[in-house]
Amino acid sequence: MPEFMISTLYLGALLILCLMMGRFVSHFRVPKVTGYLLAGILLSPSAINIFSNVLSQRIDGSICELRFLCDLALGLIAFSIGGEFQNERFKKMGKKIITISLCETFATFFLVFCSLFFFTTNLPVAICLGILAIATAPAATLLVLREYDSEGVVTNSLLILTGLNNFICLTLFTICFPTVIALSHGESSTTFILTLFSSLGSMLVSLAAGFILGFLLSVFEKRITKANELIVLTVGTIILGIGLAQMLNVSPLLVNLVMGATVINIAKKGKMLFEELKRIDLPIYAAFFALSGASLHWDLLSVVGGVGVLYVAGRVAGKVLGVFYGAVQARASQSLKRYGGCGLLAQAGVALGLALLIEDRDQKLGEVVSTTIFSTVIVFEILGPLAVRWSIVKSGEVKVIKLIHRDEGTPFRDTFREIILRLRHSLGIPVWKSKQFTGEVLVEHVMRTHVEVIHEETHLDQILKVIEHSRYNLFPVVNEIGEFTGMISFQDIRDVLYDGIMKDLVIAKDVANPAGPFIHSKATINEALDLFELEKTDLLPVIDDRETKHLMGILTQRDVLAVFKGKKR
């Protein structure tokens, strides 16, 4: 059988197994990304070798042929992460996110470098692994956040920190790697300087290529009105960026990261473009994780030894302690201090790519670095998605329904019965009535517990800052003990803005509408939908059933409609 047929059959089987394993692991409250990795492990050459050595070799060749899917997935991921570098978002988070990122990257490098240097006394190895430890796998982080539809400070911070981590890692590697090679080979200062300038030039070319492609994409998207054509333009430009980076021998990840950041800030349909891209990227991401799982080197776990253990321990400690200390210095939220670091543990593509680059330049140094990275990636690819899920769940940024609802689908027997019903209907044969869904979903299952609230004593300038950077148009007002006392909209404060004297005197309780609608947490979503229609609003505060009116969260019309849509499937 020709090689391309083996690759086609293997890819089809891999995607179907990804779907099955993703749904299977979700029963155990495990992110579907982990299921995709397990699918790749089950169909890996080492697993198939148990049954057939010849087929295992053919599968190994197929994985090599399908590597272009990994390049495409990394390009899409880098582009999506770049979309998080929105100027408005940076204005909102300001110096806080930069402070946290610098503290986290320094702590990670310092702990990994120190532990490995004292253990091995090998300075080049300690420097390389310290830099590679900074990198965070954007794919696992992005897919877990999307799967659980999380929203809040930790979610936004994780996306931006992931992008900054990889940018800093690539920058440090570009600057420091010539020094490492000089230390390892004892090269002259002239060779070292030439290598350094060559690396910096490659980095500048990556930045320039990403900006130019992003600028051109922003120009051409204005002429396109259909969403499907916009997807074609975007994917084509991303592939062009990957090919251009490979041709220029620069980083495809950095090119697409800069391209995404450029598009989100200057393109007229920037947000729409990123939303449309989500419609087609899941099969590519699933294939990427499955191929990654099939390529994991399990045999290296037995030889990695103390270097691997220290690398894992130092990297975990650096991420957790670095984010905590940075959040303390930046006076960030408590949830980010406690749970943000665990959301940055995933590691794969960037670190693996740089490890292979080191091996190409220096085989002796590269063997130690690549063996450590390839073996510890197994740990971080399995631990990472679980840690991201833990972070967003513990910080209260995931709706309860996402945790208790399982996308189990219809049991096989009922599915078979439904197919027979449709066949009888198509043939004109009388059919019997099918059972209807009778489950009831409550408001507390759908509400978002991460709430942007305004306290009664908040001054107008602070209210404006909250409104300016929020995705909502209504804001609950609470008193000092967290009781709901009213709602504020932009219309409520519009008149006050033109009065210079009143502007400095007004506080939240002066302009809040105390008669604003609210809903109890134990109400059904049918009752919520009726209230949305009656009040002509798209957001409702959720309070508990006690007389105190303690604010528990918010309910949006979009989330309620999404539940109804899911029940009809």
Protein backbone atom coordinates (compact mmCIF):
# COMPACT_ATOMS: atom_id res chain seq x y z
CA MET A 1 0.00 0.00 0.00
CA PRO A 2 1.41 3.45 -0.96
CA GLU A 3 2.73 5.60 1.88
CA PHE A 4 0.24 8.43 1.31
CA MET A 5 -2.66 5.97 1.74
CA ILE A 6 -1.24 4.83 5.09
CA SER A 7 -0.95 8.49 6.17
CA THR A 8 -4.54 9.25 5.09
CA LEU A 9 -5.98 6.22 6.89
CA TYR A 10 -3.88 6.94 9.96
CA LEU A 11 -5.01 10.58 10.14
CA GLY A 12 -8.68 9.62 9.80
CA ALA A 13 -8.42 6.97 12.50
CA LEU A 14 -6.49 9.39 14.72
CA LEU A 15 -9.15 12.13 14.50
CA ILE A 16 -12.01 9.72 15.24
CA LEU A 17 -10.11 8.27 18.21
CA CYS A 18 -9.43 11.85 19.39
CA LEU A 19 -13.16 12.52 19.48
CA MET A 20 -13.86 9.30 21.38
CA MET A 21 -11.04 9.77 23.90
CA GLY A 22 -11.93 13.43 24.43
CA ARG A 23 -15.49 12.49 25.32
CA PHE A 24 -14.30 9.57 27.45
CA VAL A 25 -11.90 11.56 29.66
CA SER A 26 -14.49 14.32 30.15
CA HIS A 27 -16.47 11.81 32.26
CA PHE A 28 -13.61 12.01 34.77
CA ARG A 29 -13.48 15.83 34.73
CA VAL A 30 -10.31 15.80 32.68
CA PRO A 31 -9.81 18.32 29.81
CA LYS A 32 -10.38 16.89 26.35
CA VAL A 33 -6.85 17.94 25.35
CA THR A 34 -5.56 15.10 27.55
CA GLY A 35 -7.85 12.72 25.67
CA TYR A 36 -6.34 13.83 22.37
CA LEU A 37 -2.86 13.09 23.73
CA LEU A 38 -4.00 9.65 24.89
CA ALA A 39 -5.42 8.96 21.42
CA GLY A 40 -1.99 9.62 19.95
CA ILE A 41 -0.33 7.39 22.55
CA LEU A 42 -2.72 4.52 21.77
CA LEU A 43 -1.94 4.79 18.05
CA SER A 44 1.76 5.55 18.49
CA PRO A 45 4.39 3.42 16.72
CA SER A 46 5.58 2.00 20.05
CA ALA A 47 2.03 0.83 20.90
CA ILE A 48 1.40 -0.62 17.43
CA ASN A 49 4.82 -2.33 17.53
CA ILE A 50 3.36 -4.76 20.08
CA PHE A 51 1.19 -6.22 17.30
CA SER A 52 3.21 -5.55 14.15
CA ASN A 53 6.75 -4.29 13.68
CA VAL A 54 6.21 -3.59 9.96
CA LEU A 55 3.04 -1.56 10.56
CA SER A 56 4.80 0.34 13.35
CA GLN A 57 7.52 1.44 10.92
CA ARG A 58 4.92 2.50 8.35
CA ILE A 59 3.07 4.52 11.01
CA ASP A 60 6.31 6.19 12.05
CA GLY A 61 6.79 7.31 8.44
CA SER A 62 3.19 8.56 8.32
CA ILE A 63 3.76 10.71 11.40
CA CYS A 64 6.73 12.35 9.67
CA GLU A 65 4.59 13.05 6.59
CA LEU A 66 1.86 14.64 8.74
CA ARG A 67 4.25 17.06 10.44
CA PHE A 68 2.90 19.89 8.29
CA LEU A 69 -0.29 19.71 10.38
CA CYS A 70 1.78 20.42 13.50
CA ASP A 71 3.34 23.44 11.79
CA LEU A 72 -0.11 24.69 10.78
CA ALA A 73 -1.51 24.14 14.28
CA LEU A 74 1.38 26.03 15.90
CA GLY A 75 0.88 28.85 13.40
CA LEU A 76 -2.84 29.08 14.22
CA ILE A 77 -2.11 28.94 17.95
CA ALA A 78 0.57 31.62 17.80
CA PHE A 79 -1.76 33.82 15.73
CA SER A 80 -4.58 33.34 18.27
CA ILE A 81 -2.30 34.10 21.22
CA GLY A 82 -1.11 37.22 19.39
CA GLY A 83 -4.74 38.30 19.28
CA GLU A 84 -4.64 38.59 23.06
CA PHE A 85 -2.08 41.43 22.79
CA GLN A 86 -4.85 43.93 22.24
CA ASN A 87 -3.97 47.49 23.09
CA GLU A 88 -7.19 47.98 25.09
CA ARG A 89 -6.45 44.89 27.18
CA PHE A 90 -2.92 46.07 27.90
CA LYS A 91 -4.28 49.46 28.95
CA LYS A 92 -6.58 47.74 31.41
CA MET A 93 -3.92 45.43 32.87
CA GLY A 94 -1.14 48.01 32.44
CA LYS A 95 2.09 47.45 34.31
CA LYS A 96 0.58 44.62 36.36
CA ILE A 97 0.86 41.95 33.68
CA ILE A 98 4.39 43.06 32.72
CA THR A 99 5.49 42.93 36.36
CA ILE A 100 4.00 39.46 36.84
CA SER A 101 5.55 38.19 33.60
CA LEU A 102 9.04 39.47 34.46
CA CYS A 103 8.90 38.04 37.98
CA GLU A 104 7.64 34.68 36.73
CA THR A 105 10.19 34.31 33.92
CA PHE A 106 13.09 35.37 36.15
CA ALA A 107 12.04 33.00 38.96
CA THR A 108 11.65 30.09 36.53
CA PHE A 109 15.05 30.68 34.90
CA PHE A 110 16.80 31.28 38.23
CA LEU A 111 15.48 28.16 40.01
CA VAL A 112 16.08 25.83 37.06
CA PHE A 113 19.52 27.31 36.32
CA CYS A 114 20.74 27.21 39.93
CA SER A 115 19.50 23.68 40.67
CA LEU A 116 20.97 22.23 37.47
CA PHE A 117 24.27 24.10 37.72
CA PHE A 118 24.91 22.90 41.27
CA PHE A 119 23.91 19.36 40.29
CA THR A 120 25.82 19.07 36.98
CA THR A 121 28.39 21.94 37.19
CA ASN A 122 27.75 22.25 33.44
CA LEU A 123 27.15 25.96 32.75
CA PRO A 124 25.95 25.66 29.09
CA VAL A 125 23.40 22.95 30.00
CA ALA A 126 22.10 24.99 32.97
CA ILE A 127 21.72 28.14 30.83
CA CYS A 128 19.93 26.35 27.98
CA LEU A 129 17.49 24.46 30.19
CA GLY A 130 16.87 27.58 32.29
CA ILE A 131 15.83 29.51 29.18
CA LEU A 132 13.73 26.65 27.75
CA ALA A 133 11.91 26.30 31.09
CA ILE A 134 10.34 29.73 30.51
CA ALA A 135 8.37 28.57 27.44
CA THR A 136 4.71 27.64 27.92
CA ALA A 137 2.68 25.52 25.48
CA PRO A 138 0.02 27.86 24.08
CA ALA A 139 -2.04 25.08 22.48
CA ALA A 140 -2.95 23.23 25.69
CA THR A 141 -3.68 26.48 27.54
CA LEU A 142 -5.83 27.90 24.76
CA LEU A 143 -7.91 24.76 24.21
CA VAL A 144 -8.65 24.18 27.90
CA LEU A 145 -9.77 27.80 28.38
CA ARG A 146 -11.97 27.53 25.30
CA GLU A 147 -13.43 24.15 26.31
CA TYR A 148 -14.58 25.47 29.69
CA ASP A 149 -15.62 28.90 28.34
CA SER A 150 -13.87 30.57 31.26
CA GLU A 151 -13.92 34.30 31.76
CA GLY A 152 -12.14 36.55 34.23
CA VAL A 153 -8.81 37.91 35.47
CA VAL A 154 -6.99 34.55 35.61
CA THR A 155 -8.20 33.54 32.14
CA ASN A 156 -7.14 36.82 30.52
CA SER A 157 -3.82 36.80 32.38
CA LEU A 158 -2.99 33.22 31.37
CA LEU A 159 -3.43 34.01 27.68
CA ILE A 160 -1.26 37.12 27.80
CA LEU A 161 1.37 35.51 30.06
CA THR A 162 1.60 32.54 27.69
CA GLY A 163 2.35 34.85 24.78
CA LEU A 164 4.85 36.88 26.81
CA ASN A 165 6.55 33.70 28.07
CA ASN A 166 7.22 32.45 24.57
CA PHE A 167 8.30 35.88 23.33
CA ILE A 168 10.76 36.28 26.23
CA CYS A 169 12.01 32.70 25.80
CA LEU A 170 12.71 33.23 22.09
CA THR A 171 14.35 36.60 22.76
CA LEU A 172 16.65 35.27 25.51
CA PHE A 173 17.52 32.24 23.43
CA THR A 174 18.44 34.46 20.47
CA ILE A 175 20.69 36.63 22.65
CA CYS A 176 22.20 33.98 24.94
CA PHE A 177 22.65 30.98 22.63
CA PRO A 178 25.74 32.43 20.89
CA THR A 179 27.28 32.87 24.34
CA VAL A 180 26.49 29.27 25.21
CA ILE A 181 28.08 28.01 21.99
CA ALA A 182 31.13 30.18 22.63
CA LEU A 183 31.45 28.73 26.15
CA SER A 184 30.99 25.19 24.88
CA HIS A 185 33.42 25.43 21.94
CA GLY A 186 35.83 28.04 23.21
CA GLU A 187 35.21 30.20 20.13
CA SER A 188 36.92 33.53 19.54
CA SER A 189 35.26 36.82 20.45
CA THR A 190 34.92 37.74 16.76
CA THR A 191 32.96 34.58 15.97
CA PHE A 192 30.82 35.14 19.04
CA ILE A 193 29.94 38.72 18.01
CA LEU A 194 29.13 37.67 14.45
CA THR A 195 26.87 34.87 15.72
CA LEU A 196 25.13 37.25 18.13
CA PHE A 197 24.44 39.83 15.42
CA SER A 198 23.20 37.10 13.10
CA SER A 199 20.75 35.87 15.78
CA LEU A 200 19.50 39.40 16.51
CA GLY A 201 19.07 39.96 12.78
CA SER A 202 16.94 36.80 12.52
CA MET A 203 14.76 38.02 15.36
CA LEU A 204 14.26 41.43 13.74
CA VAL A 205 13.36 39.72 10.46
CA SER A 206 10.73 37.64 12.31
CA LEU A 207 9.19 40.77 13.85
CA ALA A 208 9.23 42.64 10.54
CA ALA A 209 7.75 39.71 8.58
CA GLY A 210 4.95 39.28 11.13
CA PHE A 211 4.09 42.97 11.09
CA ILE A 212 4.08 43.21 7.28
CA LEU A 213 1.88 40.13 6.86
CA GLY A 214 -0.48 41.39 9.58
CA PHE A 215 -0.65 44.79 7.91
CA LEU A 216 -1.41 43.25 4.49
CA LEU A 217 -4.06 40.99 6.01
CA SER A 218 -5.69 44.05 7.61
CA VAL A 219 -5.71 45.83 4.24
CA PHE A 220 -7.26 42.98 2.28
CA GLU A 221 -9.87 42.01 4.90
CA LYS A 222 -11.65 45.35 4.36
CA ARG A 223 -12.58 44.20 0.85
CA ILE A 224 -14.12 40.93 2.07
CA THR A 225 -17.66 40.76 3.42
CA LYS A 226 -18.34 36.99 3.59
CA ALA A 227 -17.18 35.14 6.69
CA ASN A 228 -16.06 32.00 4.84
CA GLU A 229 -13.86 34.04 2.50
CA LEU A 230 -12.37 35.79 5.52
CA ILE A 231 -11.38 32.39 6.94
CA VAL A 232 -9.67 31.47 3.66
CA LEU A 233 -7.72 34.75 3.66
CA THR A 234 -6.64 34.33 7.28
CA VAL A 235 -5.54 30.69 7.03
CA GLY A 236 -3.76 31.41 3.75
CA THR A 237 -1.83 34.27 5.33
CA ILE A 238 -0.87 32.14 8.35
CA ILE A 239 0.43 29.37 6.06
CA LEU A 240 2.27 32.01 4.04
CA GLY A 241 3.86 33.23 7.28
CA ILE A 242 4.97 29.68 8.18
CA GLY A 243 6.47 29.12 4.73
CA LEU A 244 8.17 32.51 4.70
CA ALA A 245 9.68 31.88 8.14
CA GLN A 246 11.00 28.49 7.05
CA MET A 247 12.47 30.02 3.89
CA LEU A 248 14.18 32.82 5.86
CA ASN A 249 15.25 30.38 8.60
CA VAL A 250 13.50 32.39 11.34
CA SER A 251 10.88 31.48 13.97
CA PRO A 252 7.40 30.72 12.49
CA LEU A 253 5.95 31.05 16.00
CA LEU A 254 7.25 34.59 16.43
CA VAL A 255 6.14 35.60 12.92
CA ASN A 256 2.55 34.48 13.52
CA LEU A 257 2.50 35.86 17.06
CA VAL A 258 3.39 39.34 15.78
CA MET A 259 0.96 38.94 12.89
CA GLY A 260 -1.92 38.21 15.29
CA ALA A 261 -1.01 41.16 17.52
CA THR A 262 -0.90 43.45 14.46
CA VAL A 263 -4.26 42.29 13.12
CA ILE A 264 -6.16 42.62 16.41
CA ASN A 265 -4.96 46.21 16.82
CA ILE A 266 -5.31 47.65 13.32
CA ALA A 267 -7.77 45.45 11.37
CA LYS A 268 -11.34 46.75 11.08
CA LYS A 269 -12.78 43.24 11.47
CA GLY A 270 -10.06 42.00 13.79
CA LYS A 271 -12.30 40.51 16.49
CA MET A 272 -14.63 38.98 13.90
CA LEU A 273 -11.64 37.40 12.16
CA PHE A 274 -10.49 35.63 15.32
CA GLU A 275 -14.02 34.46 16.11
CA GLU A 276 -14.46 32.98 12.62
CA LEU A 277 -11.14 31.17 12.94
CA LYS A 278 -12.50 29.24 15.94
CA ARG A 279 -15.04 27.55 13.67
CA ILE A 280 -12.45 25.52 11.76
CA ASP A 281 -9.41 25.08 14.00
CA LEU A 282 -10.49 22.23 16.34
CA PRO A 283 -9.68 19.31 13.95
CA ILE A 284 -6.23 20.80 13.35
CA TYR A 285 -5.59 21.21 17.08
CA ALA A 286 -6.84 17.68 17.77
CA ALA A 287 -4.49 16.27 15.11
CA PHE A 288 -1.62 18.32 16.59
CA PHE A 289 -2.09 16.92 20.10
CA ALA A 290 -2.61 13.38 18.83
CA LEU A 291 0.57 13.53 16.73
CA SER A 292 2.38 15.00 19.74
CA GLY A 293 1.17 12.08 21.85
CA ALA A 294 2.27 9.60 19.18
CA SER A 295 5.75 11.19 19.15
CA LEU A 296 6.37 11.14 22.91
CA HIS A 297 9.56 9.29 23.83
CA TRP A 298 8.51 7.16 26.79
CA ASP A 299 11.79 5.28 26.74
CA LEU A 300 13.62 8.46 27.79
CA LEU A 301 11.89 8.53 31.18
CA SER A 302 14.16 5.76 32.42
CA VAL A 303 17.40 7.59 31.50
CA VAL A 304 16.63 11.21 32.35
CA GLY A 305 17.64 10.83 36.02
CA GLY A 306 18.26 13.68 38.43
CA VAL A 307 18.52 16.35 35.72
CA GLY A 308 14.92 15.72 34.64
CA VAL A 309 13.61 15.65 38.20
CA LEU A 310 15.33 18.93 39.06
CA TYR A 311 14.12 20.51 35.81
CA VAL A 312 10.48 19.58 36.54
CA ALA A 313 10.70 20.67 40.19
CA GLY A 314 12.48 23.94 39.40
CA ARG A 315 10.10 24.84 36.58
CA VAL A 316 6.96 24.14 38.63
CA ALA A 317 8.30 26.10 41.61
CA GLY A 318 9.43 28.97 39.38
CA LYS A 319 6.05 29.34 37.68
CA VAL A 320 3.99 29.14 40.88
CA LEU A 321 6.23 31.29 43.11
CA GLY A 322 7.06 33.76 40.32
CA VAL A 323 3.41 34.50 39.54
CA PHE A 324 2.59 34.75 43.25
CA TYR A 325 5.41 37.20 43.97
CA GLY A 326 4.70 39.21 40.80
CA ALA A 327 0.99 39.42 41.64
CA VAL A 328 1.85 40.62 45.16
CA GLN A 329 4.14 43.32 43.77
CA ALA A 330 1.55 44.37 41.19
CA ARG A 331 -1.29 44.26 43.74
CA ALA A 332 -3.25 41.91 41.51
CA SER A 333 -6.30 39.87 42.53
CA GLN A 334 -6.09 37.10 45.12
CA SER A 335 -7.20 34.49 42.57
CA LEU A 336 -4.29 35.34 40.28
CA LYS A 337 -1.83 35.13 43.20
CA ARG A 338 -3.04 31.71 44.25
CA TYR A 339 -3.89 29.97 41.01
CA GLY A 340 -2.21 31.81 38.13
CA GLY A 341 1.13 29.99 38.26
CA CYS A 342 -0.37 26.53 37.88
CA GLY A 343 -1.97 27.58 34.61
CA LEU A 344 1.46 28.04 32.97
CA LEU A 345 2.88 24.52 33.44
CA ALA A 346 2.11 23.06 30.00
CA GLN A 347 5.14 22.79 27.72
CA ALA A 348 5.70 21.35 24.25
CA GLY A 349 6.29 22.92 20.83
CA VAL A 350 8.53 25.92 21.54
CA ALA A 351 10.83 24.08 23.96
CA LEU A 352 11.06 21.03 21.66
CA GLY A 353 11.90 23.18 18.64
CA LEU A 354 14.66 25.05 20.48
CA ALA A 355 16.05 21.79 21.89
CA LEU A 356 16.36 20.37 18.36
CA LEU A 357 18.05 23.60 17.25
CA ILE A 358 20.63 23.20 20.02
CA GLU A 359 21.24 19.60 18.93
CA ASP A 360 21.86 20.73 15.35
CA ARG A 361 24.48 23.27 16.47
CA ASP A 362 26.18 21.21 19.19
CA GLN A 363 25.51 17.48 19.34
CA LYS A 364 27.07 16.87 22.76
CA LEU A 365 25.22 19.74 24.43
CA GLY A 366 22.06 19.00 22.45
CA GLU A 367 21.88 15.37 23.59
CA VAL A 368 21.61 16.37 27.25
CA VAL A 369 19.15 19.23 26.59
CA SER A 370 16.92 17.38 24.10
CA THR A 371 16.81 14.21 26.25
CA THR A 372 15.70 16.28 29.25
CA ILE A 373 13.10 18.25 27.28
CA PHE A 374 11.70 15.26 25.38
CA SER A 375 11.28 13.25 28.58
CA THR A 376 9.83 16.03 30.76
CA VAL A 377 7.40 17.09 28.04
CA ILE A 378 5.54 13.85 28.79
CA VAL A 379 5.01 15.07 32.36
CA PHE A 380 4.06 18.63 31.42
CA GLU A 381 1.76 17.68 28.53
CA ILE A 382 -0.30 15.46 30.86
CA LEU A 383 -0.03 17.66 33.97
CA GLY A 384 -0.40 21.00 32.13
CA PRO A 385 -4.03 20.77 30.94
CA LEU A 386 -5.14 19.45 34.34
CA ALA A 387 -3.36 22.35 36.04
CA VAL A 388 -5.00 24.92 33.73
CA ARG A 389 -8.43 23.45 34.50
CA TRP A 390 -7.69 23.53 38.24
CA SER A 391 -6.62 27.18 38.02
CA ILE A 392 -9.74 28.49 36.30
CA VAL A 393 -12.12 26.33 38.35
CA LYS A 394 -10.60 27.33 41.71
CA SER A 395 -10.62 31.01 40.69
CA GLY A 396 -14.39 30.82 40.02
CA GLU A 397 -14.18 31.68 36.32
CA VAL A 398 -15.99 28.58 35.03
CA LYS A 399 -19.76 28.24 35.04
CA VAL A 400 -21.06 25.42 37.23
CA ILE A 401 -22.89 23.84 34.29
CA LYS A 402 -19.54 23.34 32.54
CA LEU A 403 -18.42 21.20 35.47
CA ILE A 404 -21.56 19.14 36.11
CA HIS A 405 -22.75 18.84 32.50
CA ARG A 406 -21.17 16.16 30.40
CA ASP A 407 -21.35 16.18 26.64
CA GLU A 408 -22.28 12.52 26.69
CA GLY A 409 -24.52 12.58 23.68
CA THR A 410 -27.21 9.97 23.17
CA PRO A 411 -26.65 6.36 24.27
CA PHE A 412 -26.06 3.96 21.38
CA ARG A 413 -29.41 2.22 21.83
CA ASP A 414 -31.31 5.51 21.70
CA THR A 415 -29.22 6.68 18.75
CA PHE A 416 -30.04 3.51 16.82
CA ARG A 417 -33.73 3.94 17.69
CA GLU A 418 -33.67 7.55 16.47
CA ILE A 419 -32.09 6.53 13.14
CA ILE A 420 -34.80 3.91 12.64
CA LEU A 421 -37.46 6.55 13.40
CA ARG A 422 -36.04 8.88 10.76
CA LEU A 423 -35.80 6.04 8.23
CA ARG A 424 -39.46 5.08 8.84
CA HIS A 425 -40.46 8.71 8.47
CA SER A 426 -38.55 9.02 5.18
CA LEU A 427 -40.26 5.88 3.83
CA GLY A 428 -43.70 7.11 4.92
CA ILE A 429 -44.13 4.44 7.62
CA PRO A 430 -46.00 5.59 10.78
CA VAL A 431 -43.65 6.30 13.67
CA TRP A 432 -44.03 6.19 17.41
CA LYS A 433 -43.40 9.13 19.69
CA SER A 434 -39.92 9.64 21.03
CA LYS A 435 -39.03 10.62 24.57
CA GLN A 436 -38.39 14.29 25.25
CA PHE A 437 -35.75 15.85 27.47
CA THR A 438 -37.17 16.53 30.91
CA GLY A 439 -34.11 17.68 32.80
CA GLU A 440 -34.19 21.09 34.49
CA VAL A 441 -31.27 23.52 34.61
CA LEU A 442 -31.16 26.19 37.29
CA VAL A 443 -29.70 29.68 37.16
CA GLU A 444 -26.92 28.71 39.60
CA HIS A 445 -25.70 26.16 37.05
CA VAL A 446 -25.32 28.73 34.26
CA MET A 447 -24.35 31.94 36.05
CA ARG A 448 -20.82 33.34 36.00
CA THR A 449 -19.37 33.78 39.46
CA HIS A 450 -16.60 36.10 38.29
CA VAL A 451 -18.41 39.43 38.61
CA GLU A 452 -17.26 42.97 37.86
CA VAL A 453 -19.05 44.81 40.66
CA ILE A 454 -19.03 48.46 41.68
CA HIS A 455 -19.12 49.31 45.37
CA GLU A 456 -21.51 52.01 46.53
CA GLU A 457 -18.73 54.38 47.59
CA THR A 458 -16.80 54.17 44.29
CA HIS A 459 -16.15 57.57 42.70
CA LEU A 460 -17.14 58.39 39.13
CA ASP A 461 -13.62 58.25 37.66
CA GLN A 462 -13.19 54.67 38.91
CA ILE A 463 -16.63 53.74 37.59
CA LEU A 464 -15.61 55.00 34.15
CA LYS A 465 -12.46 52.83 34.19
CA VAL A 466 -14.54 49.73 34.92
CA ILE A 467 -17.02 50.57 32.15
CA GLU A 468 -14.31 51.44 29.63
CA HIS A 469 -12.61 48.04 29.75
CA SER A 470 -15.61 45.76 30.32
CA ARG A 471 -17.40 43.62 27.77
CA TYR A 472 -20.76 44.24 29.51
CA ASN A 473 -23.01 47.30 29.52
CA LEU A 474 -24.62 46.83 32.95
CA PHE A 475 -22.84 46.69 36.30
CA PRO A 476 -24.20 45.48 39.68
CA VAL A 477 -23.69 47.78 42.67
CA VAL A 478 -23.08 46.25 46.11
CA ASN A 479 -22.71 47.59 49.63
CA GLU A 480 -19.89 46.87 52.07
CA ILE A 481 -21.20 43.37 52.92
CA GLY A 482 -21.78 42.30 49.30
CA GLU A 483 -25.55 42.87 49.11
CA PHE A 484 -27.00 43.86 45.74
CA THR A 485 -28.34 47.43 45.88
CA GLY A 486 -28.81 48.45 42.24
CA MET A 487 -27.49 48.61 38.68
CA ILE A 488 -25.44 51.18 36.77
CA SER A 489 -25.38 51.65 33.01
CA PHE A 490 -23.59 54.25 30.91
CA GLN A 491 -26.89 56.05 30.42
CA ASP A 492 -27.14 56.51 34.19
CA ILE A 493 -23.92 58.54 34.35
CA ARG A 494 -24.03 60.26 30.94
CA ASP A 495 -25.60 63.50 32.18
CA VAL A 496 -23.21 63.77 35.14
CA LEU A 497 -20.17 63.71 32.83
CA TYR A 498 -21.00 67.18 31.49
CA ASP A 499 -21.28 68.73 34.95
CA GLY A 500 -17.74 69.56 36.14
CA ILE A 501 -18.77 70.20 39.76
CA MET A 502 -20.99 67.13 40.17
CA LYS A 503 -18.45 64.91 38.44
CA ASP A 504 -16.08 65.12 41.42
CA LEU A 505 -18.82 64.61 44.02
CA VAL A 506 -20.87 61.73 42.59
CA ILE A 507 -20.38 58.17 43.88
CA ALA A 508 -21.94 54.92 42.69
CA LYS A 509 -24.97 54.85 44.98
CA ASP A 510 -25.97 58.34 43.76
CA VAL A 511 -26.48 57.16 40.16
CA ALA A 512 -27.38 53.48 40.61
CA ASN A 513 -30.87 52.37 39.68
CA PRO A 514 -32.20 50.67 42.83
CA ALA A 515 -35.18 49.22 40.96
CA GLY A 516 -33.01 47.16 38.62
CA PRO A 517 -34.18 43.59 37.90
CA PHE A 518 -32.51 40.56 39.46
CA ILE A 519 -33.09 36.80 39.62
CA HIS A 520 -32.71 34.16 42.32
CA SER A 521 -30.07 31.46 41.99
CA LYS A 522 -32.65 28.66 42.31
CA ALA A 523 -34.82 29.95 39.44
CA THR A 524 -34.99 27.86 36.28
CA ILE A 525 -33.55 29.00 32.99
CA ASN A 526 -37.08 29.12 31.57
CA GLU A 527 -37.96 31.70 34.21
CA ALA A 528 -34.75 33.56 33.41
CA LEU A 529 -35.59 33.67 29.70
CA ASP A 530 -39.04 35.08 30.49
CA LEU A 531 -37.46 37.75 32.72
CA PHE A 532 -34.97 38.72 30.00
CA GLU A 533 -37.85 39.23 27.59
CA LEU A 534 -39.95 41.14 30.12
CA GLU A 535 -37.19 43.50 31.25
CA LYS A 536 -35.63 43.94 27.76
CA THR A 537 -32.13 43.37 29.14
CA ASP A 538 -29.26 41.00 28.36
CA LEU A 539 -27.75 40.76 31.87
CA LEU A 540 -29.28 39.93 35.24
CA PRO A 541 -27.64 39.97 38.70
CA VAL A 542 -28.07 36.66 40.55
CA ILE A 543 -28.81 36.78 44.27
CA ASP A 544 -29.29 34.04 46.81
CA ASP A 545 -32.70 33.13 48.18
CA ARG A 546 -32.16 34.84 51.51
CA GLU A 547 -33.60 38.22 52.39
CA THR A 548 -30.12 39.75 52.41
CA LYS A 549 -29.89 39.82 48.58
CA HIS A 550 -26.27 38.68 48.61
CA LEU A 551 -24.85 38.93 45.07
CA MET A 552 -23.70 35.51 43.83
CA GLY A 553 -22.95 36.20 40.16
CA ILE A 554 -24.36 37.39 36.86
CA LEU A 555 -26.47 35.70 34.20
CA THR A 556 -26.27 36.69 30.54
CA GLN A 557 -28.89 36.05 27.91
CA ARG A 558 -26.20 34.52 25.67
CA ASP A 559 -25.40 31.82 28.24
CA VAL A 560 -29.06 30.93 28.72
CA LEU A 561 -29.64 30.66 24.97
CA ALA A 562 -26.54 28.45 24.69
CA VAL A 563 -28.11 26.00 27.18
CA PHE A 564 -31.32 25.81 25.14
CA LYS A 565 -29.32 25.28 21.98
CA GLY A 566 -27.43 22.41 23.62
CA LYS A 567 -30.64 20.74 24.83
CA LYS A 568 -32.07 20.70 21.32
CA ARG A 569 -29.14 18.81 19.82
